[in-house]
């Protein structure tokens, strides 16, 4: 997150993917 000035968009993108994919979880 230091590279992107602590922008948390990458966290939220991964969160959407994980919430919507039972098999991945």
PDBML (XML) file of the C-alpha atoms, coordinates in Angstrom:
<?xml version="1.0" encoding="UTF-8" ?>
<PDBx:datablock datablockName="MODEL"
   xmlns:PDBx="http://pdbml.pdb.org/schema/pdbx-v50.xsd"
   xmlns:xsi="http://www.w3.org/2001/XMLSchema-instance"
   xsi:schemaLocation="http://pdbml.pdb.org/schema/pdbx-v50.xsd pdbx-v50.xsd">
   <PDBx:atom_siteCategory>
      <PDBx:atom_site id="1">
         <PDBx:B_iso_or_equiv>0.00</PDBx:B_iso_or_equiv>
         <PDBx:Cartn_x>0.000</PDBx:Cartn_x>
         <PDBx:Cartn_y>0.000</PDBx:Cartn_y>
         <PDBx:Cartn_z>0.000</PDBx:Cartn_z>
         <PDBx:auth_asym_id>A</PDBx:auth_asym_id>
         <PDBx:auth_atom_id>CA</PDBx:auth_atom_id>
         <PDBx:auth_comp_id>UNK</PDBx:auth_comp_id>
         <PDBx:auth_seq_id>1</PDBx:auth_seq_id>
         <PDBx:group_PDB>ATOM</PDBx:group_PDB>
         <PDBx:label_alt_id xsi:nil="true" />
         <PDBx:label_asym_id>A</PDBx:label_asym_id>
         <PDBx:label_atom_id>CA</PDBx:label_atom_id>
         <PDBx:label_comp_id>UNK</PDBx:label_comp_id>
         <PDBx:label_entity_id>1</PDBx:label_entity_id>
         <PDBx:label_seq_id>1</PDBx:label_seq_id>
         <PDBx:occupancy>1.00</PDBx:occupancy>
         <PDBx:pdbx_PDB_model_num>1</PDBx:pdbx_PDB_model_num>
         <PDBx:type_symbol>C</PDBx:type_symbol>
      </PDBx:atom_site>
      <PDBx:atom_site id="2">
         <PDBx:B_iso_or_equiv>0.00</PDBx:B_iso_or_equiv>
         <PDBx:Cartn_x>2.970</PDBx:Cartn_x>
         <PDBx:Cartn_y>2.332</PDBx:Cartn_y>
         <PDBx:Cartn_z>0.355</PDBx:Cartn_z>
         <PDBx:auth_asym_id>A</PDBx:auth_asym_id>
         <PDBx:auth_atom_id>CA</PDBx:auth_atom_id>
         <PDBx:auth_comp_id>UNK</PDBx:auth_comp_id>
         <PDBx:auth_seq_id>2</PDBx:auth_seq_id>
         <PDBx:group_PDB>ATOM</PDBx:group_PDB>
         <PDBx:label_alt_id xsi:nil="true" />
         <PDBx:label_asym_id>A</PDBx:label_asym_id>
         <PDBx:label_atom_id>CA</PDBx:label_atom_id>
         <PDBx:label_comp_id>UNK</PDBx:label_comp_id>
         <PDBx:label_entity_id>1</PDBx:label_entity_id>
         <PDBx:label_seq_id>2</PDBx:label_seq_id>
         <PDBx:occupancy>1.00</PDBx:occupancy>
         <PDBx:pdbx_PDB_model_num>1</PDBx:pdbx_PDB_model_num>
         <PDBx:type_symbol>C</PDBx:type_symbol>
      </PDBx:atom_site>
      <PDBx:atom_site id="3">
         <PDBx:B_iso_or_equiv>0.00</PDBx:B_iso_or_equiv>
         <PDBx:Cartn_x>3.452</PDBx:Cartn_x>
         <PDBx:Cartn_y>2.227</PDBx:Cartn_y>
         <PDBx:Cartn_z>-3.414</PDBx:Cartn_z>
         <PDBx:auth_asym_id>A</PDBx:auth_asym_id>
         <PDBx:auth_atom_id>CA</PDBx:auth_atom_id>
         <PDBx:auth_comp_id>UNK</PDBx:auth_comp_id>
         <PDBx:auth_seq_id>3</PDBx:auth_seq_id>
         <PDBx:group_PDB>ATOM</PDBx:group_PDB>
         <PDBx:label_alt_id xsi:nil="true" />
         <PDBx:label_asym_id>A</PDBx:label_asym_id>
         <PDBx:label_atom_id>CA</PDBx:label_atom_id>
         <PDBx:label_comp_id>UNK</PDBx:label_comp_id>
         <PDBx:label_entity_id>1</PDBx:label_entity_id>
         <PDBx:label_seq_id>3</PDBx:label_seq_id>
         <PDBx:occupancy>1.00</PDBx:occupancy>
         <PDBx:pdbx_PDB_model_num>1</PDBx:pdbx_PDB_model_num>
         <PDBx:type_symbol>C</PDBx:type_symbol>
      </PDBx:atom_site>
      <PDBx:atom_site id="4">
         <PDBx:B_iso_or_equiv>0.00</PDBx:B_iso_or_equiv>
         <PDBx:Cartn_x>-0.096</PDBx:Cartn_x>
         <PDBx:Cartn_y>3.486</PDBx:Cartn_y>
         <PDBx:Cartn_z>-4.074</PDBx:Cartn_z>
         <PDBx:auth_asym_id>A</PDBx:auth_asym_id>
         <PDBx:auth_atom_id>CA</PDBx:auth_atom_id>
         <PDBx:auth_comp_id>UNK</PDBx:auth_comp_id>
         <PDBx:auth_seq_id>4</PDBx:auth_seq_id>
         <PDBx:group_PDB>ATOM</PDBx:group_PDB>
         <PDBx:label_alt_id xsi:nil="true" />
         <PDBx:label_asym_id>A</PDBx:label_asym_id>
         <PDBx:label_atom_id>CA</PDBx:label_atom_id>
         <PDBx:label_comp_id>UNK</PDBx:label_comp_id>
         <PDBx:label_entity_id>1</PDBx:label_entity_id>
         <PDBx:label_seq_id>4</PDBx:label_seq_id>
         <PDBx:occupancy>1.00</PDBx:occupancy>
         <PDBx:pdbx_PDB_model_num>1</PDBx:pdbx_PDB_model_num>
         <PDBx:type_symbol>C</PDBx:type_symbol>
      </PDBx:atom_site>
      <PDBx:atom_site id="5">
         <PDBx:B_iso_or_equiv>0.00</PDBx:B_iso_or_equiv>
         <PDBx:Cartn_x>-0.063</PDBx:Cartn_x>
         <PDBx:Cartn_y>6.153</PDBx:Cartn_y>
         <PDBx:Cartn_z>-1.339</PDBx:Cartn_z>
         <PDBx:auth_asym_id>A</PDBx:auth_asym_id>
         <PDBx:auth_atom_id>CA</PDBx:auth_atom_id>
         <PDBx:auth_comp_id>UNK</PDBx:auth_comp_id>
         <PDBx:auth_seq_id>5</PDBx:auth_seq_id>
         <PDBx:group_PDB>ATOM</PDBx:group_PDB>
         <PDBx:label_alt_id xsi:nil="true" />
         <PDBx:label_asym_id>A</PDBx:label_asym_id>
         <PDBx:label_atom_id>CA</PDBx:label_atom_id>
         <PDBx:label_comp_id>UNK</PDBx:label_comp_id>
         <PDBx:label_entity_id>1</PDBx:label_entity_id>
         <PDBx:label_seq_id>5</PDBx:label_seq_id>
         <PDBx:occupancy>1.00</PDBx:occupancy>
         <PDBx:pdbx_PDB_model_num>1</PDBx:pdbx_PDB_model_num>
         <PDBx:type_symbol>C</PDBx:type_symbol>
      </PDBx:atom_site>
      <PDBx:atom_site id="6">
         <PDBx:B_iso_or_equiv>0.00</PDBx:B_iso_or_equiv>
         <PDBx:Cartn_x>-2.137</PDBx:Cartn_x>
         <PDBx:Cartn_y>3.916</PDBx:Cartn_y>
         <PDBx:Cartn_z>0.953</PDBx:Cartn_z>
         <PDBx:auth_asym_id>A</PDBx:auth_asym_id>
         <PDBx:auth_atom_id>CA</PDBx:auth_atom_id>
         <PDBx:auth_comp_id>UNK</PDBx:auth_comp_id>
         <PDBx:auth_seq_id>6</PDBx:auth_seq_id>
         <PDBx:group_PDB>ATOM</PDBx:group_PDB>
         <PDBx:label_alt_id xsi:nil="true" />
         <PDBx:label_asym_id>A</PDBx:label_asym_id>
         <PDBx:label_atom_id>CA</PDBx:label_atom_id>
         <PDBx:label_comp_id>UNK</PDBx:label_comp_id>
         <PDBx:label_entity_id>1</PDBx:label_entity_id>
         <PDBx:label_seq_id>6</PDBx:label_seq_id>
         <PDBx:occupancy>1.00</PDBx:occupancy>
         <PDBx:pdbx_PDB_model_num>1</PDBx:pdbx_PDB_model_num>
         <PDBx:type_symbol>C</PDBx:type_symbol>
      </PDBx:atom_site>
      <PDBx:atom_site id="7">
         <PDBx:B_iso_or_equiv>0.00</PDBx:B_iso_or_equiv>
         <PDBx:Cartn_x>-5.055</PDBx:Cartn_x>
         <PDBx:Cartn_y>3.766</PDBx:Cartn_y>
         <PDBx:Cartn_z>-1.452</PDBx:Cartn_z>
         <PDBx:auth_asym_id>A</PDBx:auth_asym_id>
         <PDBx:auth_atom_id>CA</PDBx:auth_atom_id>
         <PDBx:auth_comp_id>UNK</PDBx:auth_comp_id>
         <PDBx:auth_seq_id>7</PDBx:auth_seq_id>
         <PDBx:group_PDB>ATOM</PDBx:group_PDB>
         <PDBx:label_alt_id xsi:nil="true" />
         <PDBx:label_asym_id>A</PDBx:label_asym_id>
         <PDBx:label_atom_id>CA</PDBx:label_atom_id>
         <PDBx:label_comp_id>UNK</PDBx:label_comp_id>
         <PDBx:label_entity_id>1</PDBx:label_entity_id>
         <PDBx:label_seq_id>7</PDBx:label_seq_id>
         <PDBx:occupancy>1.00</PDBx:occupancy>
         <PDBx:pdbx_PDB_model_num>1</PDBx:pdbx_PDB_model_num>
         <PDBx:type_symbol>C</PDBx:type_symbol>
      </PDBx:atom_site>
      <PDBx:atom_site id="8">
         <PDBx:B_iso_or_equiv>0.00</PDBx:B_iso_or_equiv>
         <PDBx:Cartn_x>-7.163</PDBx:Cartn_x>
         <PDBx:Cartn_y>0.753</PDBx:Cartn_y>
         <PDBx:Cartn_z>-0.421</PDBx:Cartn_z>
         <PDBx:auth_asym_id>A</PDBx:auth_asym_id>
         <PDBx:auth_atom_id>CA</PDBx:auth_atom_id>
         <PDBx:auth_comp_id>UNK</PDBx:auth_comp_id>
         <PDBx:auth_seq_id>8</PDBx:auth_seq_id>
         <PDBx:group_PDB>ATOM</PDBx:group_PDB>
         <PDBx:label_alt_id xsi:nil="true" />
         <PDBx:label_asym_id>A</PDBx:label_asym_id>
         <PDBx:label_atom_id>CA</PDBx:label_atom_id>
         <PDBx:label_comp_id>UNK</PDBx:label_comp_id>
         <PDBx:label_entity_id>1</PDBx:label_entity_id>
         <PDBx:label_seq_id>8</PDBx:label_seq_id>
         <PDBx:occupancy>1.00</PDBx:occupancy>
         <PDBx:pdbx_PDB_model_num>1</PDBx:pdbx_PDB_model_num>
         <PDBx:type_symbol>C</PDBx:type_symbol>
      </PDBx:atom_site>
      <PDBx:atom_site id="9">
         <PDBx:B_iso_or_equiv>0.00</PDBx:B_iso_or_equiv>
         <PDBx:Cartn_x>-8.854</PDBx:Cartn_x>
         <PDBx:Cartn_y>0.075</PDBx:Cartn_y>
         <PDBx:Cartn_z>-3.778</PDBx:Cartn_z>
         <PDBx:auth_asym_id>A</PDBx:auth_asym_id>
         <PDBx:auth_atom_id>CA</PDBx:auth_atom_id>
         <PDBx:auth_comp_id>UNK</PDBx:auth_comp_id>
         <PDBx:auth_seq_id>9</PDBx:auth_seq_id>
         <PDBx:group_PDB>ATOM</PDBx:group_PDB>
         <PDBx:label_alt_id xsi:nil="true" />
         <PDBx:label_asym_id>A</PDBx:label_asym_id>
         <PDBx:label_atom_id>CA</PDBx:label_atom_id>
         <PDBx:label_comp_id>UNK</PDBx:label_comp_id>
         <PDBx:label_entity_id>1</PDBx:label_entity_id>
         <PDBx:label_seq_id>9</PDBx:label_seq_id>
         <PDBx:occupancy>1.00</PDBx:occupancy>
         <PDBx:pdbx_PDB_model_num>1</PDBx:pdbx_PDB_model_num>
         <PDBx:type_symbol>C</PDBx:type_symbol>
      </PDBx:atom_site>
      <PDBx:atom_site id="10">
         <PDBx:B_iso_or_equiv>0.00</PDBx:B_iso_or_equiv>
         <PDBx:Cartn_x>-6.867</PDBx:Cartn_x>
         <PDBx:Cartn_y>-3.142</PDBx:Cartn_y>
         <PDBx:Cartn_z>-4.264</PDBx:Cartn_z>
         <PDBx:auth_asym_id>A</PDBx:auth_asym_id>
         <PDBx:auth_atom_id>CA</PDBx:auth_atom_id>
         <PDBx:auth_comp_id>UNK</PDBx:auth_comp_id>
         <PDBx:auth_seq_id>10</PDBx:auth_seq_id>
         <PDBx:group_PDB>ATOM</PDBx:group_PDB>
         <PDBx:label_alt_id xsi:nil="true" />
         <PDBx:label_asym_id>A</PDBx:label_asym_id>
         <PDBx:label_atom_id>CA</PDBx:label_atom_id>
         <PDBx:label_comp_id>UNK</PDBx:label_comp_id>
         <PDBx:label_entity_id>1</PDBx:label_entity_id>
         <PDBx:label_seq_id>10</PDBx:label_seq_id>
         <PDBx:occupancy>1.00</PDBx:occupancy>
         <PDBx:pdbx_PDB_model_num>1</PDBx:pdbx_PDB_model_num>
         <PDBx:type_symbol>C</PDBx:type_symbol>
      </PDBx:atom_site>
      <PDBx:atom_site id="11">
         <PDBx:B_iso_or_equiv>0.00</PDBx:B_iso_or_equiv>
         <PDBx:Cartn_x>-8.160</PDBx:Cartn_x>
         <PDBx:Cartn_y>-4.480</PDBx:Cartn_y>
         <PDBx:Cartn_z>-0.960</PDBx:Cartn_z>
         <PDBx:auth_asym_id>A</PDBx:auth_asym_id>
         <PDBx:auth_atom_id>CA</PDBx:auth_atom_id>
         <PDBx:auth_comp_id>UNK</PDBx:auth_comp_id>
         <PDBx:auth_seq_id>11</PDBx:auth_seq_id>
         <PDBx:group_PDB>ATOM</PDBx:group_PDB>
         <PDBx:label_alt_id xsi:nil="true" />
         <PDBx:label_asym_id>A</PDBx:label_asym_id>
         <PDBx:label_atom_id>CA</PDBx:label_atom_id>
         <PDBx:label_comp_id>UNK</PDBx:label_comp_id>
         <PDBx:label_entity_id>1</PDBx:label_entity_id>
         <PDBx:label_seq_id>11</PDBx:label_seq_id>
         <PDBx:occupancy>1.00</PDBx:occupancy>
         <PDBx:pdbx_PDB_model_num>1</PDBx:pdbx_PDB_model_num>
         <PDBx:type_symbol>C</PDBx:type_symbol>
      </PDBx:atom_site>
      <PDBx:atom_site id="12">
         <PDBx:B_iso_or_equiv>0.00</PDBx:B_iso_or_equiv>
         <PDBx:Cartn_x>-11.765</PDBx:Cartn_x>
         <PDBx:Cartn_y>-3.740</PDBx:Cartn_y>
         <PDBx:Cartn_z>-1.930</PDBx:Cartn_z>
         <PDBx:auth_asym_id>A</PDBx:auth_asym_id>
         <PDBx:auth_atom_id>CA</PDBx:auth_atom_id>
         <PDBx:auth_comp_id>UNK</PDBx:auth_comp_id>
         <PDBx:auth_seq_id>12</PDBx:auth_seq_id>
         <PDBx:group_PDB>ATOM</PDBx:group_PDB>
         <PDBx:label_alt_id xsi:nil="true" />
         <PDBx:label_asym_id>A</PDBx:label_asym_id>
         <PDBx:label_atom_id>CA</PDBx:label_atom_id>
         <PDBx:label_comp_id>UNK</PDBx:label_comp_id>
         <PDBx:label_entity_id>1</PDBx:label_entity_id>
         <PDBx:label_seq_id>12</PDBx:label_seq_id>
         <PDBx:occupancy>1.00</PDBx:occupancy>
         <PDBx:pdbx_PDB_model_num>1</PDBx:pdbx_PDB_model_num>
         <PDBx:type_symbol>C</PDBx:type_symbol>
      </PDBx:atom_site>
      <PDBx:atom_site id="13">
         <PDBx:B_iso_or_equiv>0.00</PDBx:B_iso_or_equiv>
         <PDBx:Cartn_x>-11.383</PDBx:Cartn_x>
         <PDBx:Cartn_y>-5.296</PDBx:Cartn_y>
         <PDBx:Cartn_z>-5.397</PDBx:Cartn_z>
         <PDBx:auth_asym_id>A</PDBx:auth_asym_id>
         <PDBx:auth_atom_id>CA</PDBx:auth_atom_id>
         <PDBx:auth_comp_id>UNK</PDBx:auth_comp_id>
         <PDBx:auth_seq_id>13</PDBx:auth_seq_id>
         <PDBx:group_PDB>ATOM</PDBx:group_PDB>
         <PDBx:label_alt_id xsi:nil="true" />
         <PDBx:label_asym_id>A</PDBx:label_asym_id>
         <PDBx:label_atom_id>CA</PDBx:label_atom_id>
         <PDBx:label_comp_id>UNK</PDBx:label_comp_id>
         <PDBx:label_entity_id>1</PDBx:label_entity_id>
         <PDBx:label_seq_id>13</PDBx:label_seq_id>
         <PDBx:occupancy>1.00</PDBx:occupancy>
         <PDBx:pdbx_PDB_model_num>1</PDBx:pdbx_PDB_model_num>
         <PDBx:type_symbol>C</PDBx:type_symbol>
      </PDBx:atom_site>
      <PDBx:atom_site id="14">
         <PDBx:B_iso_or_equiv>0.00</PDBx:B_iso_or_equiv>
         <PDBx:Cartn_x>-10.120</PDBx:Cartn_x>
         <PDBx:Cartn_y>-8.520</PDBx:Cartn_y>
         <PDBx:Cartn_z>-3.831</PDBx:Cartn_z>
         <PDBx:auth_asym_id>A</PDBx:auth_asym_id>
         <PDBx:auth_atom_id>CA</PDBx:auth_atom_id>
         <PDBx:auth_comp_id>UNK</PDBx:auth_comp_id>
         <PDBx:auth_seq_id>14</PDBx:auth_seq_id>
         <PDBx:group_PDB>ATOM</PDBx:group_PDB>
         <PDBx:label_alt_id xsi:nil="true" />
         <PDBx:label_asym_id>A</PDBx:label_asym_id>
         <PDBx:label_atom_id>CA</PDBx:label_atom_id>
         <PDBx:label_comp_id>UNK</PDBx:label_comp_id>
         <PDBx:label_entity_id>1</PDBx:label_entity_id>
         <PDBx:label_seq_id>14</PDBx:label_seq_id>
         <PDBx:occupancy>1.00</PDBx:occupancy>
         <PDBx:pdbx_PDB_model_num>1</PDBx:pdbx_PDB_model_num>
         <PDBx:type_symbol>C</PDBx:type_symbol>
      </PDBx:atom_site>
      <PDBx:atom_site id="15">
         <PDBx:B_iso_or_equiv>0.00</PDBx:B_iso_or_equiv>
         <PDBx:Cartn_x>-12.864</PDBx:Cartn_x>
         <PDBx:Cartn_y>-8.360</PDBx:Cartn_y>
         <PDBx:Cartn_z>-1.215</PDBx:Cartn_z>
         <PDBx:auth_asym_id>A</PDBx:auth_asym_id>
         <PDBx:auth_atom_id>CA</PDBx:auth_atom_id>
         <PDBx:auth_comp_id>UNK</PDBx:auth_comp_id>
         <PDBx:auth_seq_id>15</PDBx:auth_seq_id>
         <PDBx:group_PDB>ATOM</PDBx:group_PDB>
         <PDBx:label_alt_id xsi:nil="true" />
         <PDBx:label_asym_id>A</PDBx:label_asym_id>
         <PDBx:label_atom_id>CA</PDBx:label_atom_id>
         <PDBx:label_comp_id>UNK</PDBx:label_comp_id>
         <PDBx:label_entity_id>1</PDBx:label_entity_id>
         <PDBx:label_seq_id>15</PDBx:label_seq_id>
         <PDBx:occupancy>1.00</PDBx:occupancy>
         <PDBx:pdbx_PDB_model_num>1</PDBx:pdbx_PDB_model_num>
         <PDBx:type_symbol>C</PDBx:type_symbol>
      </PDBx:atom_site>
      <PDBx:atom_site id="16">
         <PDBx:B_iso_or_equiv>0.00</PDBx:B_iso_or_equiv>
         <PDBx:Cartn_x>-15.585</PDBx:Cartn_x>
         <PDBx:Cartn_y>-8.264</PDBx:Cartn_y>
         <PDBx:Cartn_z>-3.883</PDBx:Cartn_z>
         <PDBx:auth_asym_id>A</PDBx:auth_asym_id>
         <PDBx:auth_atom_id>CA</PDBx:auth_atom_id>
         <PDBx:auth_comp_id>UNK</PDBx:auth_comp_id>
         <PDBx:auth_seq_id>16</PDBx:auth_seq_id>
         <PDBx:group_PDB>ATOM</PDBx:group_PDB>
         <PDBx:label_alt_id xsi:nil="true" />
         <PDBx:label_asym_id>A</PDBx:label_asym_id>
         <PDBx:label_atom_id>CA</PDBx:label_atom_id>
         <PDBx:label_comp_id>UNK</PDBx:label_comp_id>
         <PDBx:label_entity_id>1</PDBx:label_entity_id>
         <PDBx:label_seq_id>16</PDBx:label_seq_id>
         <PDBx:occupancy>1.00</PDBx:occupancy>
         <PDBx:pdbx_PDB_model_num>1</PDBx:pdbx_PDB_model_num>
         <PDBx:type_symbol>C</PDBx:type_symbol>
      </PDBx:atom_site>
      <PDBx:atom_site id="17">
         <PDBx:B_iso_or_equiv>0.00</PDBx:B_iso_or_equiv>
         <PDBx:Cartn_x>-14.053</PDBx:Cartn_x>
         <PDBx:Cartn_y>-11.279</PDBx:Cartn_y>
         <PDBx:Cartn_z>-5.602</PDBx:Cartn_z>
         <PDBx:auth_asym_id>A</PDBx:auth_asym_id>
         <PDBx:auth_atom_id>CA</PDBx:auth_atom_id>
         <PDBx:auth_comp_id>UNK</PDBx:auth_comp_id>
         <PDBx:auth_seq_id>17</PDBx:auth_seq_id>
         <PDBx:group_PDB>ATOM</PDBx:group_PDB>
         <PDBx:label_alt_id xsi:nil="true" />
         <PDBx:label_asym_id>A</PDBx:label_asym_id>
         <PDBx:label_atom_id>CA</PDBx:label_atom_id>
         <PDBx:label_comp_id>UNK</PDBx:label_comp_id>
         <PDBx:label_entity_id>1</PDBx:label_entity_id>
         <PDBx:label_seq_id>17</PDBx:label_seq_id>
         <PDBx:occupancy>1.00</PDBx:occupancy>
         <PDBx:pdbx_PDB_model_num>1</PDBx:pdbx_PDB_model_num>
         <PDBx:type_symbol>C</PDBx:type_symbol>
      </PDBx:atom_site>
      <PDBx:atom_site id="18">
         <PDBx:B_iso_or_equiv>0.00</PDBx:B_iso_or_equiv>
         <PDBx:Cartn_x>-13.807</PDBx:Cartn_x>
         <PDBx:Cartn_y>-13.273</PDBx:Cartn_y>
         <PDBx:Cartn_z>-2.374</PDBx:Cartn_z>
         <PDBx:auth_asym_id>A</PDBx:auth_asym_id>
         <PDBx:auth_atom_id>CA</PDBx:auth_atom_id>
         <PDBx:auth_comp_id>UNK</PDBx:auth_comp_id>
         <PDBx:auth_seq_id>18</PDBx:auth_seq_id>
         <PDBx:group_PDB>ATOM</PDBx:group_PDB>
         <PDBx:label_alt_id xsi:nil="true" />
         <PDBx:label_asym_id>A</PDBx:label_asym_id>
         <PDBx:label_atom_id>CA</PDBx:label_atom_id>
         <PDBx:label_comp_id>UNK</PDBx:label_comp_id>
         <PDBx:label_entity_id>1</PDBx:label_entity_id>
         <PDBx:label_seq_id>18</PDBx:label_seq_id>
         <PDBx:occupancy>1.00</PDBx:occupancy>
         <PDBx:pdbx_PDB_model_num>1</PDBx:pdbx_PDB_model_num>
         <PDBx:type_symbol>C</PDBx:type_symbol>
      </PDBx:atom_site>
      <PDBx:atom_site id="19">
         <PDBx:B_iso_or_equiv>0.00</PDBx:B_iso_or_equiv>
         <PDBx:Cartn_x>-17.316</PDBx:Cartn_x>
         <PDBx:Cartn_y>-12.424</PDBx:Cartn_y>
         <PDBx:Cartn_z>-1.167</PDBx:Cartn_z>
         <PDBx:auth_asym_id>A</PDBx:auth_asym_id>
         <PDBx:auth_atom_id>CA</PDBx:auth_atom_id>
         <PDBx:auth_comp_id>UNK</PDBx:auth_comp_id>
         <PDBx:auth_seq_id>19</PDBx:auth_seq_id>
         <PDBx:group_PDB>ATOM</PDBx:group_PDB>
         <PDBx:label_alt_id xsi:nil="true" />
         <PDBx:label_asym_id>A</PDBx:label_asym_id>
         <PDBx:label_atom_id>CA</PDBx:label_atom_id>
         <PDBx:label_comp_id>UNK</PDBx:label_comp_id>
         <PDBx:label_entity_id>1</PDBx:label_entity_id>
         <PDBx:label_seq_id>19</PDBx:label_seq_id>
         <PDBx:occupancy>1.00</PDBx:occupancy>
         <PDBx:pdbx_PDB_model_num>1</PDBx:pdbx_PDB_model_num>
         <PDBx:type_symbol>C</PDBx:type_symbol>
      </PDBx:atom_site>
      <PDBx:atom_site id="20">
         <PDBx:B_iso_or_equiv>0.00</PDBx:B_iso_or_equiv>
         <PDBx:Cartn_x>-18.806</PDBx:Cartn_x>
         <PDBx:Cartn_y>-13.547</PDBx:Cartn_y>
         <PDBx:Cartn_z>-4.483</PDBx:Cartn_z>
         <PDBx:auth_asym_id>A</PDBx:auth_asym_id>
         <PDBx:auth_atom_id>CA</PDBx:auth_atom_id>
         <PDBx:auth_comp_id>UNK</PDBx:auth_comp_id>
         <PDBx:auth_seq_id>20</PDBx:auth_seq_id>
         <PDBx:group_PDB>ATOM</PDBx:group_PDB>
         <PDBx:label_alt_id xsi:nil="true" />
         <PDBx:label_asym_id>A</PDBx:label_asym_id>
         <PDBx:label_atom_id>CA</PDBx:label_atom_id>
         <PDBx:label_comp_id>UNK</PDBx:label_comp_id>
         <PDBx:label_entity_id>1</PDBx:label_entity_id>
         <PDBx:label_seq_id>20</PDBx:label_seq_id>
         <PDBx:occupancy>1.00</PDBx:occupancy>
         <PDBx:pdbx_PDB_model_num>1</PDBx:pdbx_PDB_model_num>
         <PDBx:type_symbol>C</PDBx:type_symbol>
      </PDBx:atom_site>
      <PDBx:atom_site id="21">
         <PDBx:B_iso_or_equiv>0.00</PDBx:B_iso_or_equiv>
         <PDBx:Cartn_x>-16.854</PDBx:Cartn_x>
         <PDBx:Cartn_y>-16.822</PDBx:Cartn_y>
         <PDBx:Cartn_z>-4.865</PDBx:Cartn_z>
         <PDBx:auth_asym_id>A</PDBx:auth_asym_id>
         <PDBx:auth_atom_id>CA</PDBx:auth_atom_id>
         <PDBx:auth_comp_id>UNK</PDBx:auth_comp_id>
         <PDBx:auth_seq_id>21</PDBx:auth_seq_id>
         <PDBx:group_PDB>ATOM</PDBx:group_PDB>
         <PDBx:label_alt_id xsi:nil="true" />
         <PDBx:label_asym_id>A</PDBx:label_asym_id>
         <PDBx:label_atom_id>CA</PDBx:label_atom_id>
         <PDBx:label_comp_id>UNK</PDBx:label_comp_id>
         <PDBx:label_entity_id>1</PDBx:label_entity_id>
         <PDBx:label_seq_id>21</PDBx:label_seq_id>
         <PDBx:occupancy>1.00</PDBx:occupancy>
         <PDBx:pdbx_PDB_model_num>1</PDBx:pdbx_PDB_model_num>
         <PDBx:type_symbol>C</PDBx:type_symbol>
      </PDBx:atom_site>
      <PDBx:atom_site id="22">
         <PDBx:B_iso_or_equiv>0.00</PDBx:B_iso_or_equiv>
         <PDBx:Cartn_x>-17.735</PDBx:Cartn_x>
         <PDBx:Cartn_y>-19.566</PDBx:Cartn_y>
         <PDBx:Cartn_z>-2.388</PDBx:Cartn_z>
         <PDBx:auth_asym_id>A</PDBx:auth_asym_id>
         <PDBx:auth_atom_id>CA</PDBx:auth_atom_id>
         <PDBx:auth_comp_id>UNK</PDBx:auth_comp_id>
         <PDBx:auth_seq_id>22</PDBx:auth_seq_id>
         <PDBx:group_PDB>ATOM</PDBx:group_PDB>
         <PDBx:label_alt_id xsi:nil="true" />
         <PDBx:label_asym_id>A</PDBx:label_asym_id>
         <PDBx:label_atom_id>CA</PDBx:label_atom_id>
         <PDBx:label_comp_id>UNK</PDBx:label_comp_id>
         <PDBx:label_entity_id>1</PDBx:label_entity_id>
         <PDBx:label_seq_id>22</PDBx:label_seq_id>
         <PDBx:occupancy>1.00</PDBx:occupancy>
         <PDBx:pdbx_PDB_model_num>1</PDBx:pdbx_PDB_model_num>
         <PDBx:type_symbol>C</PDBx:type_symbol>
      </PDBx:atom_site>
      <PDBx:atom_site id="23">
         <PDBx:B_iso_or_equiv>0.00</PDBx:B_iso_or_equiv>
         <PDBx:Cartn_x>-15.414</PDBx:Cartn_x>
         <PDBx:Cartn_y>-22.127</PDBx:Cartn_y>
         <PDBx:Cartn_z>-4.005</PDBx:Cartn_z>
         <PDBx:auth_asym_id>A</PDBx:auth_asym_id>
         <PDBx:auth_atom_id>CA</PDBx:auth_atom_id>
         <PDBx:auth_comp_id>UNK</PDBx:auth_comp_id>
         <PDBx:auth_seq_id>23</PDBx:auth_seq_id>
         <PDBx:group_PDB>ATOM</PDBx:group_PDB>
         <PDBx:label_alt_id xsi:nil="true" />
         <PDBx:label_asym_id>A</PDBx:label_asym_id>
         <PDBx:label_atom_id>CA</PDBx:label_atom_id>
         <PDBx:label_comp_id>UNK</PDBx:label_comp_id>
         <PDBx:label_entity_id>1</PDBx:label_entity_id>
         <PDBx:label_seq_id>23</PDBx:label_seq_id>
         <PDBx:occupancy>1.00</PDBx:occupancy>
         <PDBx:pdbx_PDB_model_num>1</PDBx:pdbx_PDB_model_num>
         <PDBx:type_symbol>C</PDBx:type_symbol>
      </PDBx:atom_site>
      <PDBx:atom_site id="24">
         <PDBx:B_iso_or_equiv>0.00</PDBx:B_iso_or_equiv>
         <PDBx:Cartn_x>-12.454</PDBx:Cartn_x>
         <PDBx:Cartn_y>-19.761</PDBx:Cartn_y>
         <PDBx:Cartn_z>-3.726</PDBx:Cartn_z>
         <PDBx:auth_asym_id>A</PDBx:auth_asym_id>
         <PDBx:auth_atom_id>CA</PDBx:auth_atom_id>
         <PDBx:auth_comp_id>UNK</PDBx:auth_comp_id>
         <PDBx:auth_seq_id>24</PDBx:auth_seq_id>
         <PDBx:group_PDB>ATOM</PDBx:group_PDB>
         <PDBx:label_alt_id xsi:nil="true" />
         <PDBx:label_asym_id>A</PDBx:label_asym_id>
         <PDBx:label_atom_id>CA</PDBx:label_atom_id>
         <PDBx:label_comp_id>UNK</PDBx:label_comp_id>
         <PDBx:label_entity_id>1</PDBx:label_entity_id>
         <PDBx:label_seq_id>24</PDBx:label_seq_id>
         <PDBx:occupancy>1.00</PDBx:occupancy>
         <PDBx:pdbx_PDB_model_num>1</PDBx:pdbx_PDB_model_num>
         <PDBx:type_symbol>C</PDBx:type_symbol>
      </PDBx:atom_site>
      <PDBx:atom_site id="25">
         <PDBx:B_iso_or_equiv>0.00</PDBx:B_iso_or_equiv>
         <PDBx:Cartn_x>-13.229</PDBx:Cartn_x>
         <PDBx:Cartn_y>-19.113</PDBx:Cartn_y>
         <PDBx:Cartn_z>-0.061</PDBx:Cartn_z>
         <PDBx:auth_asym_id>A</PDBx:auth_asym_id>
         <PDBx:auth_atom_id>CA</PDBx:auth_atom_id>
         <PDBx:auth_comp_id>UNK</PDBx:auth_comp_id>
         <PDBx:auth_seq_id>25</PDBx:auth_seq_id>
         <PDBx:group_PDB>ATOM</PDBx:group_PDB>
         <PDBx:label_alt_id xsi:nil="true" />
         <PDBx:label_asym_id>A</PDBx:label_asym_id>
         <PDBx:label_atom_id>CA</PDBx:label_atom_id>
         <PDBx:label_comp_id>UNK</PDBx:label_comp_id>
         <PDBx:label_entity_id>1</PDBx:label_entity_id>
         <PDBx:label_seq_id>25</PDBx:label_seq_id>
         <PDBx:occupancy>1.00</PDBx:occupancy>
         <PDBx:pdbx_PDB_model_num>1</PDBx:pdbx_PDB_model_num>
         <PDBx:type_symbol>C</PDBx:type_symbol>
      </PDBx:atom_site>
   </PDBx:atom_siteCategory>
</PDBx:datablock>
